[in-house]
């Protein structure tokens, strides 16, 4: 399901069963992330699928990329894999108005 920035943020705040997934590349990830996000680059092919298989399908997944295209594709893949609740951030990270943090680059 596609959610506007506002709906995504407000729903996420109230969701105690939420997991945020960033499907951008590691380089994009290093430019800043939404707090609490897990990196799973959709361009890694089978590795992307393996990481999804390790996730709890009963959680609610809030997925984003740079503009919303890759995350929409990720939500579709997750739905096919049996994930019940996936939410795509419309407009992606480039339109994100919320808090941005920088991941540790060690």
PDB file of N, CA and C in Angstrom:
ATOM      1  N   UNK A   1       0.838  -1.174   0.000  1.00  0.00           N
ATOM      2  CA  UNK A   1       0.000   0.000   0.000  1.00  0.00           C
ATOM      3  C   UNK A   1       0.890   1.246   0.000  1.00  0.00           C
ATOM      4  N   UNK A   2       0.568   2.176  -0.871  1.00  0.00           N
ATOM      5  CA  UNK A   2       1.295   3.444  -0.921  1.00  0.00           C
ATOM      6  C   UNK A   2       0.715   4.400   0.115  1.00  0.00           C
ATOM      7  N   UNK A   3       1.603   5.043   0.861  1.00  0.00           N
ATOM      8  CA  UNK A   3       1.173   6.037   1.837  1.00  0.00           C
ATOM      9  C   UNK A   3       1.884   7.352   1.565  1.00  0.00           C
ATOM     10  N   UNK A   4       1.166   8.439   1.734  1.00  0.00           N
ATOM     11  CA  UNK A   4       1.777   9.767   1.623  1.00  0.00           C
ATOM     12  C   UNK A   4       2.781   9.921   2.762  1.00  0.00           C
ATOM     13  N   UNK A   5       3.658  10.902   2.642  1.00  0.00           N
ATOM     14  CA  UNK A   5       4.631  11.181   3.699  1.00  0.00           C
ATOM     15  C   UNK A   5       3.916  11.350   5.046  1.00  0.00           C
ATOM     16  N   UNK A   6       2.851  12.117   5.040  1.00  0.00           N
ATOM     17  CA  UNK A   6       2.116  12.416   6.272  1.00  0.00           C
ATOM     18  C   UNK A   6       1.491  11.152   6.859  1.00  0.00           C
ATOM     19  N   UNK A   7       0.817  10.363   6.036  1.00  0.00           N
ATOM     20  CA  UNK A   7       0.166   9.141   6.516  1.00  0.00           C
ATOM     21  C   UNK A   7       1.196   8.119   6.993  1.00  0.00           C
ATOM     22  N   UNK A   8       2.294   7.998   6.251  1.00  0.00           N
ATOM     23  CA  UNK A   8       3.368   7.047   6.590  1.00  0.00           C
ATOM     24  C   UNK A   8       3.919   7.386   7.964  1.00  0.00           C
ATOM     25  N   UNK A   9       4.186   8.677   8.203  1.00  0.00           N
ATOM     26  CA  UNK A   9       4.763   9.133   9.467  1.00  0.00           C
ATOM     27  C   UNK A   9       3.793   8.939  10.627  1.00  0.00           C
ATOM     28  N   UNK A  10       2.541   9.339  10.444  1.00  0.00           N
ATOM     29  CA  UNK A  10       1.583   9.249  11.546  1.00  0.00           C
ATOM     30  C   UNK A  10       1.254   7.797  11.866  1.00  0.00           C
ATOM     31  N   UNK A  11       1.120   6.961  10.855  1.00  0.00           N
ATOM     32  CA  UNK A  11       0.824   5.545  11.078  1.00  0.00           C
ATOM     33  C   UNK A  11       2.001   4.857  11.765  1.00  0.00           C
ATOM     34  N   UNK A  12       3.207   5.187  11.313  1.00  0.00           N
ATOM     35  CA  UNK A  12       4.411   4.597  11.879  1.00  0.00           C
ATOM     36  C   UNK A  12       4.540   4.919  13.371  1.00  0.00           C
ATOM     37  N   UNK A  13       4.240   6.154  13.749  1.00  0.00           N
ATOM     38  CA  UNK A  13       4.351   6.568  15.158  1.00  0.00           C
ATOM     39  C   UNK A  13       3.454   5.747  16.069  1.00  0.00           C
ATOM     40  N   UNK A  14       2.302   5.322  15.565  1.00  0.00           N
ATOM     41  CA  UNK A  14       1.325   4.586  16.367  1.00  0.00           C
ATOM     42  C   UNK A  14       1.514   3.073  16.292  1.00  0.00           C
ATOM     43  N   UNK A  15       2.402   2.606  15.442  1.00  0.00           N
ATOM     44  CA  UNK A  15       2.544   1.178  15.155  1.00  0.00           C
ATOM     45  C   UNK A  15       3.644   0.555  16.016  1.00  0.00           C
ATOM     46  N   UNK A  16       3.234  -0.252  16.988  1.00  0.00           N
ATOM     47  CA  UNK A  16       4.206  -0.912  17.868  1.00  0.00           C
ATOM     48  C   UNK A  16       4.804  -2.156  17.228  1.00  0.00           C
ATOM     49  N   UNK A  17       4.322  -2.521  16.054  1.00  0.00           N
ATOM     50  CA  UNK A  17       4.777  -3.727  15.362  1.00  0.00           C
ATOM     51  C   UNK A  17       5.518  -3.355  14.066  1.00  0.00           C
ATOM     52  N   UNK A  18       6.086  -2.143  14.034  1.00  0.00           N
ATOM     53  CA  UNK A  18       6.659  -1.594  12.807  1.00  0.00           C
ATOM     54  C   UNK A  18       8.136  -1.918  12.640  1.00  0.00           C
ATOM     55  N   UNK A  19       8.525  -2.137  11.380  1.00  0.00           N
ATOM     56  CA  UNK A  19       9.925  -2.274  10.977  1.00  0.00           C
ATOM     57  C   UNK A  19      10.107  -1.390   9.743  1.00  0.00           C
ATOM     58  N   UNK A  20      11.167  -0.568   9.736  1.00  0.00           N
ATOM     59  CA  UNK A  20      11.447   0.308   8.591  1.00  0.00           C
ATOM     60  C   UNK A  20      12.557  -0.326   7.765  1.00  0.00           C
ATOM     61  N   UNK A  21      12.333  -0.425   6.469  1.00  0.00           N
ATOM     62  CA  UNK A  21      13.345  -0.991   5.571  1.00  0.00           C
ATOM     63  C   UNK A  21      13.696   0.033   4.492  1.00  0.00           C
ATOM     64  N   UNK A  22      14.991   0.249   4.332  1.00  0.00           N
ATOM     65  CA  UNK A  22      15.545   1.130   3.303  1.00  0.00           C
ATOM     66  C   UNK A  22      16.096   0.220   2.206  1.00  0.00           C
ATOM     67  N   UNK A  23      15.541   0.311   0.997  1.00  0.00           N
ATOM     68  CA  UNK A  23      15.972  -0.577  -0.093  1.00  0.00           C
ATOM     69  C   UNK A  23      16.925   0.116  -1.066  1.00  0.00           C
ATOM     70  N   UNK A  24      17.512   1.247  -0.630  1.00  0.00           N
ATOM     71  CA  UNK A  24      18.482   1.951  -1.473  1.00  0.00           C
ATOM     72  C   UNK A  24      19.845   1.257  -1.422  1.00  0.00           C
ATOM     73  N   UNK A  25      20.775   1.786  -2.182  1.00  0.00           N
ATOM     74  CA  UNK A  25      22.141   1.266  -2.177  1.00  0.00           C
ATOM     75  C   UNK A  25      22.867   1.708  -0.917  1.00  0.00           C
ATOM     76  N   UNK A  26      23.988   1.077  -0.624  1.00  0.00           N
ATOM     77  CA  UNK A  26      24.765   1.457   0.546  1.00  0.00           C
ATOM     78  C   UNK A  26      25.263   2.900   0.440  1.00  0.00           C
ATOM     79  N   UNK A  27      25.641   3.332  -0.767  1.00  0.00           N
ATOM     80  CA  UNK A  27      26.074   4.721  -0.950  1.00  0.00           C
ATOM     81  C   UNK A  27      24.945   5.697  -0.608  1.00  0.00           C
ATOM     82  N   UNK A  28      23.731   5.387  -1.069  1.00  0.00           N
ATOM     83  CA  UNK A  28      22.586   6.243  -0.756  1.00  0.00           C
ATOM     84  C   UNK A  28      22.308   6.226   0.751  1.00  0.00           C
ATOM     85  N   UNK A  29      22.406   5.057   1.346  1.00  0.00           N
ATOM     86  CA  UNK A  29      22.215   4.862   2.791  1.00  0.00           C
ATOM     87  C   UNK A  29      23.162   5.766   3.579  1.00  0.00           C
ATOM     88  N   UNK A  30      24.404   5.840   3.139  1.00  0.00           N
ATOM     89  CA  UNK A  30      25.408   6.636   3.838  1.00  0.00           C
ATOM     90  C   UNK A  30      25.142   8.135   3.749  1.00  0.00           C
ATOM     91  N   UNK A  31      24.264   8.550   2.825  1.00  0.00           N
ATOM     92  CA  UNK A  31      23.891   9.964   2.696  1.00  0.00           C
ATOM     93  C   UNK A  31      22.839  10.385   3.716  1.00  0.00           C
ATOM     94  N   UNK A  32      22.332   9.440   4.495  1.00  0.00           N
ATOM     95  CA  UNK A  32      21.326   9.721   5.509  1.00  0.00           C
ATOM     96  C   UNK A  32      20.186   8.732   5.431  1.00  0.00           C
ATOM     97  N   UNK A  33      19.603   8.436   6.599  1.00  0.00           N
ATOM     98  CA  UNK A  33      18.516   7.454   6.671  1.00  0.00           C
ATOM     99  C   UNK A  33      17.412   7.957   7.595  1.00  0.00           C
ATOM    100  N   UNK A  34      16.281   7.280   7.531  1.00  0.00           N
ATOM    101  CA  UNK A  34      15.212   7.492   8.495  1.00  0.00           C
ATOM    102  C   UNK A  34      15.566   6.660   9.722  1.00  0.00           C
ATOM    103  N   UNK A  35      15.501   7.279  10.882  1.00  0.00           N
ATOM    104  CA  UNK A  35      15.901   6.621  12.129  1.00  0.00           C
ATOM    105  C   UNK A  35      15.238   5.257  12.301  1.00  0.00           C
ATOM    106  N   UNK A  36      16.052   4.266  12.635  1.00  0.00           N
ATOM    107  CA  UNK A  36      15.550   2.917  12.886  1.00  0.00           C
ATOM    108  C   UNK A  36      15.509   2.019  11.672  1.00  0.00           C
ATOM    109  N   UNK A  37      15.864   2.551  10.504  1.00  0.00           N
ATOM    110  CA  UNK A  37      15.774   1.772   9.269  1.00  0.00           C
ATOM    111  C   UNK A  37      16.825   0.669   9.203  1.00  0.00           C
ATOM    112  N   UNK A  38      16.449  -0.416   8.529  1.00  0.00           N
ATOM    113  CA  UNK A  38      17.352  -1.509   8.210  1.00  0.00           C
ATOM    114  C   UNK A  38      17.679  -1.420   6.732  1.00  0.00           C
ATOM    115  N   UNK A  39      18.926  -1.621   6.364  1.00  0.00           N
ATOM    116  CA  UNK A  39      19.325  -1.569   4.956  1.00  0.00           C
ATOM    117  C   UNK A  39      19.145  -2.940   4.318  1.00  0.00           C
ATOM    118  N   UNK A  40      18.436  -2.970   3.186  1.00  0.00           N
ATOM    119  CA  UNK A  40      18.325  -4.171   2.363  1.00  0.00           C
ATOM    120  C   UNK A  40      18.222  -3.708   0.908  1.00  0.00           C
ATOM    121  N   UNK A  41      19.363  -3.519   0.269  1.00  0.00           N
ATOM    122  CA  UNK A  41      19.460  -3.008  -1.101  1.00  0.00           C
ATOM    123  C   UNK A  41      18.758  -3.945  -2.076  1.00  0.00           C
ATOM    124  N   UNK A  42      17.715  -3.444  -2.723  1.00  0.00           N
ATOM    125  CA  UNK A  42      16.941  -4.264  -3.665  1.00  0.00           C
ATOM    126  C   UNK A  42      17.780  -4.687  -4.874  1.00  0.00           C
ATOM    127  N   UNK A  43      18.862  -3.972  -5.159  1.00  0.00           N
ATOM    128  CA  UNK A  43      19.702  -4.308  -6.310  1.00  0.00           C
ATOM    129  C   UNK A  43      20.660  -5.466  -6.058  1.00  0.00           C
ATOM    130  N   UNK A  44      20.619  -6.061  -4.858  1.00  0.00           N
ATOM    131  CA  UNK A  44      21.528  -7.179  -4.575  1.00  0.00           C
ATOM    132  C   UNK A  44      20.952  -8.524  -4.994  1.00  0.00           C
ATOM    133  N   UNK A  45      19.799  -8.503  -5.661  1.00  0.00           N
ATOM    134  CA  UNK A  45      19.230  -9.733  -6.216  1.00  0.00           C
ATOM    135  C   UNK A  45      18.844 -10.745  -5.155  1.00  0.00           C
ATOM    136  N   UNK A  46      19.437 -11.937  -5.260  1.00  0.00           N
ATOM    137  CA  UNK A  46      19.071 -13.026  -4.355  1.00  0.00           C
ATOM    138  C   UNK A  46      19.391 -12.690  -2.894  1.00  0.00           C
ATOM    139  N   UNK A  47      20.436 -11.909  -2.657  1.00  0.00           N
ATOM    140  CA  UNK A  47      20.768 -11.513  -1.283  1.00  0.00           C
ATOM    141  C   UNK A  47      19.624 -10.701  -0.665  1.00  0.00           C
ATOM    142  N   UNK A  48      18.973  -9.884  -1.480  1.00  0.00           N
ATOM    143  CA  UNK A  48      17.806  -9.124  -1.032  1.00  0.00           C
ATOM    144  C   UNK A  48      16.708 -10.082  -0.560  1.00  0.00           C
ATOM    145  N   UNK A  49      16.448 -11.123  -1.356  1.00  0.00           N
ATOM    146  CA  UNK A  49      15.423 -12.115  -1.026  1.00  0.00           C
ATOM    147  C   UNK A  49      15.796 -12.864   0.256  1.00  0.00           C
ATOM    148  N   UNK A  50      17.060 -13.268   0.368  1.00  0.00           N
ATOM    149  CA  UNK A  50      17.508 -13.986   1.576  1.00  0.00           C
ATOM    150  C   UNK A  50      17.280 -13.155   2.828  1.00  0.00           C
ATOM    151  N   UNK A  51      17.584 -11.857   2.761  1.00  0.00           N
ATOM    152  CA  UNK A  51      17.370 -10.992   3.925  1.00  0.00           C
ATOM    153  C   UNK A  51      15.884 -10.894   4.255  1.00  0.00           C
ATOM    154  N   UNK A  52      15.040 -10.836   3.228  1.00  0.00           N
ATOM    155  CA  UNK A  52      13.596 -10.789   3.469  1.00  0.00           C
ATOM    156  C   UNK A  52      13.118 -12.072   4.136  1.00  0.00           C
ATOM    157  N   UNK A  53      13.671 -13.214   3.709  1.00  0.00           N
ATOM    158  CA  UNK A  53      13.253 -14.498   4.266  1.00  0.00           C
ATOM    159  C   UNK A  53      13.540 -14.595   5.758  1.00  0.00           C
ATOM    160  N   UNK A  54      14.502 -13.825   6.245  1.00  0.00           N
ATOM    161  CA  UNK A  54      14.852 -13.839   7.669  1.00  0.00           C
ATOM    162  C   UNK A  54      13.920 -12.973   8.520  1.00  0.00           C
ATOM    163  N   UNK A  55      13.042 -12.211   7.879  1.00  0.00           N
ATOM    164  CA  UNK A  55      12.173 -11.280   8.612  1.00  0.00           C
ATOM    165  C   UNK A  55      10.885 -11.949   9.083  1.00  0.00           C
ATOM    166  N   UNK A  56      10.323 -11.407  10.135  1.00  0.00           N
ATOM    167  CA  UNK A  56       9.068 -11.873  10.716  1.00  0.00           C
ATOM    168  C   UNK A  56       7.907 -11.351   9.860  1.00  0.00           C
ATOM    169  N   UNK A  57       7.177 -12.249   9.224  1.00  0.00           N
ATOM    170  CA  UNK A  57       6.102 -11.843   8.311  1.00  0.00           C
ATOM    171  C   UNK A  57       4.891 -11.249   9.032  1.00  0.00           C
ATOM    172  N   UNK A  58       4.863 -11.345  10.364  1.00  0.00           N
ATOM    173  CA  UNK A  58       3.726 -10.787  11.106  1.00  0.00           C
ATOM    174  C   UNK A  58       3.927  -9.316  11.454  1.00  0.00           C
ATOM    175  N   UNK A  59       5.110  -8.780  11.189  1.00  0.00           N
ATOM    176  CA  UNK A  59       5.384  -7.364  11.455  1.00  0.00           C
ATOM    177  C   UNK A  59       4.797  -6.496  10.340  1.00  0.00           C
ATOM    178  N   UNK A  60       4.752  -5.194  10.592  1.00  0.00           N
ATOM    179  CA  UNK A  60       4.320  -4.222   9.588  1.00  0.00           C
ATOM    180  C   UNK A  60       5.562  -3.533   9.049  1.00  0.00           C
ATOM    181  N   UNK A  61       5.758  -3.590   7.741  1.00  0.00           N
ATOM    182  CA  UNK A  61       6.980  -3.082   7.130  1.00  0.00           C
ATOM    183  C   UNK A  61       6.741  -1.775   6.389  1.00  0.00           C
ATOM    184  N   UNK A  62       7.505  -0.765   6.780  1.00  0.00           N
ATOM    185  CA  UNK A  62       7.474   0.556   6.174  1.00  0.00           C
ATOM    186  C   UNK A  62       8.725   0.653   5.315  1.00  0.00           C
ATOM    187  N   UNK A  63       8.527   0.717   3.997  1.00  0.00           N
ATOM    188  CA  UNK A  63       9.623   0.573   3.044  1.00  0.00           C
ATOM    189  C   UNK A  63       9.820   1.876   2.278  1.00  0.00           C
ATOM    190  N   UNK A  64      11.093   2.254   2.109  1.00  0.00           N
ATOM    191  CA  UNK A  64      11.374   3.453   1.329  1.00  0.00           C
ATOM    192  C   UNK A  64      12.645   3.284   0.506  1.00  0.00           C
ATOM    193  N   UNK A  65      12.723   4.108  -0.551  1.00  0.00           N
ATOM    194  CA  UNK A  65      13.918   4.225  -1.389  1.00  0.00           C
ATOM    195  C   UNK A  65      14.100   5.715  -1.668  1.00  0.00           C
ATOM    196  N   UNK A  66      14.775   6.059  -2.728  1.00  0.00           N
ATOM    197  CA  UNK A  66      15.013   7.472  -3.011  1.00  0.00           C
ATOM    198  C   UNK A  66      13.745   8.183  -3.494  1.00  0.00           C
ATOM    199  N   UNK A  67      13.026   7.576  -4.444  1.00  0.00           N
ATOM    200  CA  UNK A  67      11.881   8.257  -5.045  1.00  0.00           C
ATOM    201  C   UNK A  67      10.552   7.511  -4.908  1.00  0.00           C
ATOM    202  N   UNK A  68      10.588   6.261  -4.466  1.00  0.00           N
ATOM    203  CA  UNK A  68       9.351   5.495  -4.284  1.00  0.00           C
ATOM    204  C   UNK A  68       9.171   4.333  -5.233  1.00  0.00           C
ATOM    205  N   UNK A  69       9.973   4.260  -6.290  1.00  0.00           N
ATOM    206  CA  UNK A  69       9.834   3.181  -7.271  1.00  0.00           C
ATOM    207  C   UNK A  69      10.362   1.840  -6.787  1.00  0.00           C
ATOM    208  N   UNK A  70      11.592   1.836  -6.312  1.00  0.00           N
ATOM    209  CA  UNK A  70      12.183   0.584  -5.824  1.00  0.00           C
ATOM    210  C   UNK A  70      11.440   0.056  -4.610  1.00  0.00           C
ATOM    211  N   UNK A  71      11.001   0.971  -3.745  1.00  0.00           N
ATOM    212  CA  UNK A  71      10.287   0.523  -2.553  1.00  0.00           C
ATOM    213  C   UNK A  71       8.919  -0.051  -2.915  1.00  0.00           C
ATOM    214  N   UNK A  72       8.270   0.487  -3.938  1.00  0.00           N
ATOM    215  CA  UNK A  72       6.997  -0.084  -4.404  1.00  0.00           C
ATOM    216  C   UNK A  72       7.241  -1.498  -4.927  1.00  0.00           C
ATOM    217  N   UNK A  73       8.335  -1.673  -5.665  1.00  0.00           N
ATOM    218  CA  UNK A  73       8.701  -2.990  -6.174  1.00  0.00           C
ATOM    219  C   UNK A  73       9.002  -3.937  -5.009  1.00  0.00           C
ATOM    220  N   UNK A  74       9.713  -3.459  -3.995  1.00  0.00           N
ATOM    221  CA  UNK A  74      10.030  -4.285  -2.826  1.00  0.00           C
ATOM    222  C   UNK A  74       8.755  -4.709  -2.105  1.00  0.00           C
ATOM    223  N   UNK A  75       7.802  -3.790  -1.956  1.00  0.00           N
ATOM    224  CA  UNK A  75       6.531  -4.126  -1.307  1.00  0.00           C
ATOM    225  C   UNK A  75       5.792  -5.208  -2.087  1.00  0.00           C
ATOM    226  N   UNK A  76       5.836  -5.124  -3.411  1.00  0.00           N
ATOM    227  CA  UNK A  76       5.202  -6.125  -4.257  1.00  0.00           C
ATOM    228  C   UNK A  76       5.852  -7.501  -4.056  1.00  0.00           C
ATOM    229  N   UNK A  77       7.168  -7.532  -4.057  1.00  0.00           N
ATOM    230  CA  UNK A  77       7.910  -8.784  -3.835  1.00  0.00           C
ATOM    231  C   UNK A  77       7.574  -9.350  -2.457  1.00  0.00           C
ATOM    232  N   UNK A  78       7.556  -8.483  -1.457  1.00  0.00           N
ATOM    233  CA  UNK A  78       7.255  -8.928  -0.096  1.00  0.00           C
ATOM    234  C   UNK A  78       5.844  -9.506  -0.008  1.00  0.00           C
ATOM    235  N   UNK A  79       4.899  -8.871  -0.699  1.00  0.00           N
ATOM    236  CA  UNK A  79       3.532  -9.393  -0.731  1.00  0.00           C
ATOM    237  C   UNK A  79       3.476 -10.786  -1.329  1.00  0.00           C
ATOM    238  N   UNK A  80       4.231 -11.006  -2.410  1.00  0.00           N
ATOM    239  CA  UNK A  80       4.289 -12.318  -3.050  1.00  0.00           C
ATOM    240  C   UNK A  80       4.923 -13.363  -2.137  1.00  0.00           C
ATOM    241  N   UNK A  81       5.772 -12.912  -1.214  1.00  0.00           N
ATOM    242  CA  UNK A  81       6.445 -13.820  -0.283  1.00  0.00           C
ATOM    243  C   UNK A  81       5.618 -14.068   0.978  1.00  0.00           C
ATOM    244  N   UNK A  82       4.456 -13.447   1.079  1.00  0.00           N
ATOM    245  CA  UNK A  82       3.578 -13.714   2.206  1.00  0.00           C
ATOM    246  C   UNK A  82       3.581 -12.673   3.309  1.00  0.00           C
ATOM    247  N   UNK A  83       4.234 -11.535   3.066  1.00  0.00           N
ATOM    248  CA  UNK A  83       4.183 -10.451   4.044  1.00  0.00           C
ATOM    249  C   UNK A  83       2.811  -9.791   3.938  1.00  0.00           C
ATOM    250  N   UNK A  84       2.116  -9.684   5.064  1.00  0.00           N
ATOM    251  CA  UNK A  84       0.751  -9.178   5.046  1.00  0.00           C
ATOM    252  C   UNK A  84       0.637  -7.671   4.980  1.00  0.00           C
ATOM    253  N   UNK A  85       1.578  -6.961   5.611  1.00  0.00           N
ATOM    254  CA  UNK A  85       1.453  -5.512   5.705  1.00  0.00           C
ATOM    255  C   UNK A  85       2.746  -4.816   5.306  1.00  0.00           C
ATOM    256  N   UNK A  86       2.727  -4.239   4.110  1.00  0.00           N
ATOM    257  CA  UNK A  86       3.871  -3.447   3.641  1.00  0.00           C
ATOM    258  C   UNK A  86       3.352  -2.083   3.202  1.00  0.00           C
ATOM    259  N   UNK A  87       4.102  -1.049   3.561  1.00  0.00           N
ATOM    260  CA  UNK A  87       3.693   0.317   3.274  1.00  0.00           C
ATOM    261  C   UNK A  87       4.820   1.050   2.572  1.00  0.00           C
ATOM    262  N   UNK A  88       4.548   1.506   1.355  1.00  0.00           N
ATOM    263  CA  UNK A  88       5.530   2.209   0.543  1.00  0.00           C
ATOM    264  C   UNK A  88       5.440   3.712   0.798  1.00  0.00           C
ATOM    265  N   UNK A  89       6.593   4.342   1.013  1.00  0.00           N
ATOM    266  CA  UNK A  89       6.650   5.785   1.214  1.00  0.00           C
ATOM    267  C   UNK A  89       6.596   6.485  -0.142  1.00  0.00           C
ATOM    268  N   UNK A  90       5.447   7.096  -0.455  1.00  0.00           N
ATOM    269  CA  UNK A  90       5.303   7.822  -1.721  1.00  0.00           C
ATOM    270  C   UNK A  90       6.281   8.986  -1.775  1.00  0.00           C
ATOM    271  N   UNK A  91       6.976   9.124  -2.893  1.00  0.00           N
ATOM    272  CA  UNK A  91       7.925  10.214  -3.060  1.00  0.00           C
ATOM    273  C   UNK A  91       9.300   9.906  -2.499  1.00  0.00           C
ATOM    274  N   UNK A  92       9.386   8.867  -1.681  1.00  0.00           N
ATOM    275  CA  UNK A  92      10.672   8.392  -1.185  1.00  0.00           C
ATOM    276  C   UNK A  92      11.435   9.361  -0.296  1.00  0.00           C
ATOM    277  N   UNK A  93      12.679   8.996  -0.060  1.00  0.00           N
ATOM    278  CA  UNK A  93      13.556   9.727   0.853  1.00  0.00           C
ATOM    279  C   UNK A  93      13.843  11.142   0.372  1.00  0.00           C
ATOM    280  N   UNK A  94      13.862  11.353  -0.939  1.00  0.00           N
ATOM    281  CA  UNK A  94      14.215  12.686  -1.437  1.00  0.00           C
ATOM    282  C   UNK A  94      13.152  13.724  -1.074  1.00  0.00           C
ATOM    283  N   UNK A  95      11.947  13.277  -0.736  1.00  0.00           N
ATOM    284  CA  UNK A  95      10.890  14.194  -0.305  1.00  0.00           C
ATOM    285  C   UNK A  95      10.610  14.099   1.183  1.00  0.00           C
ATOM    286  N   UNK A  96      11.418  13.337   1.901  1.00  0.00           N
ATOM    287  CA  UNK A  96      11.207  13.106   3.330  1.00  0.00           C
ATOM    288  C   UNK A  96      11.358  14.403   4.120  1.00  0.00           C
ATOM    289  N   UNK A  97      10.377  14.694   4.946  1.00  0.00           N
ATOM    290  CA  UNK A  97      10.384  15.916   5.748  1.00  0.00           C
ATOM    291  C   UNK A  97      10.731  15.649   7.210  1.00  0.00           C
ATOM    292  N   UNK A  98      10.811  14.376   7.584  1.00  0.00           N
ATOM    293  CA  UNK A  98      11.076  14.010   8.969  1.00  0.00           C
ATOM    294  C   UNK A  98      12.566  14.031   9.300  1.00  0.00           C
ATOM    295  N   UNK A  99      12.866  13.491  10.465  1.00  0.00           N
ATOM    296  CA  UNK A  99      14.233  13.459  10.958  1.00  0.00           C
ATOM    297  C   UNK A  99      15.106  12.545  10.083  1.00  0.00           C
ATOM    298  N   UNK A 100      16.326  12.993   9.841  1.00  0.00           N
ATOM    299  CA  UNK A 100      17.305  12.211   9.100  1.00  0.00           C
ATOM    300  C   UNK A 100      18.504  12.010  10.018  1.00  0.00           C
ATOM    301  N   UNK A 101      18.986  10.765  10.082  1.00  0.00           N
ATOM    302  CA  UNK A 101      20.197  10.498  10.839  1.00  0.00           C
ATOM    303  C   UNK A 101      21.232   9.914   9.874  1.00  0.00           C
ATOM    304  N   UNK A 102      22.475   9.879  10.323  1.00  0.00           N
ATOM    305  CA  UNK A 102      23.540   9.330   9.496  1.00  0.00           C
ATOM    306  C   UNK A 102      24.030   8.042  10.129  1.00  0.00           C
ATOM    307  N   UNK A 103      24.052   6.953   9.348  1.00  0.00           N
ATOM    308  CA  UNK A 103      24.488   5.676   9.910  1.00  0.00           C
ATOM    309  C   UNK A 103      25.981   5.711  10.251  1.00  0.00           C
ATOM    310  N   UNK A 104      26.339   4.864  11.195  1.00  0.00           N
ATOM    311  CA  UNK A 104      27.759   4.731  11.539  1.00  0.00           C
ATOM    312  C   UNK A 104      28.482   4.111  10.360  1.00  0.00           C
ATOM    313  N   UNK A 105      29.544   4.728   9.931  1.00  0.00           N
ATOM    314  CA  UNK A 105      30.307   4.185   8.804  1.00  0.00           C
ATOM    315  C   UNK A 105      31.646   3.720   9.336  1.00  0.00           C
ATOM    316  N   UNK A 106      31.643   2.489   9.779  1.00  0.00           N
ATOM    317  CA  UNK A 106      32.876   1.913  10.362  1.00  0.00           C
ATOM    318  C   UNK A 106      33.471   0.913   9.413  1.00  0.00           C
TER     319      UNK A 106
END
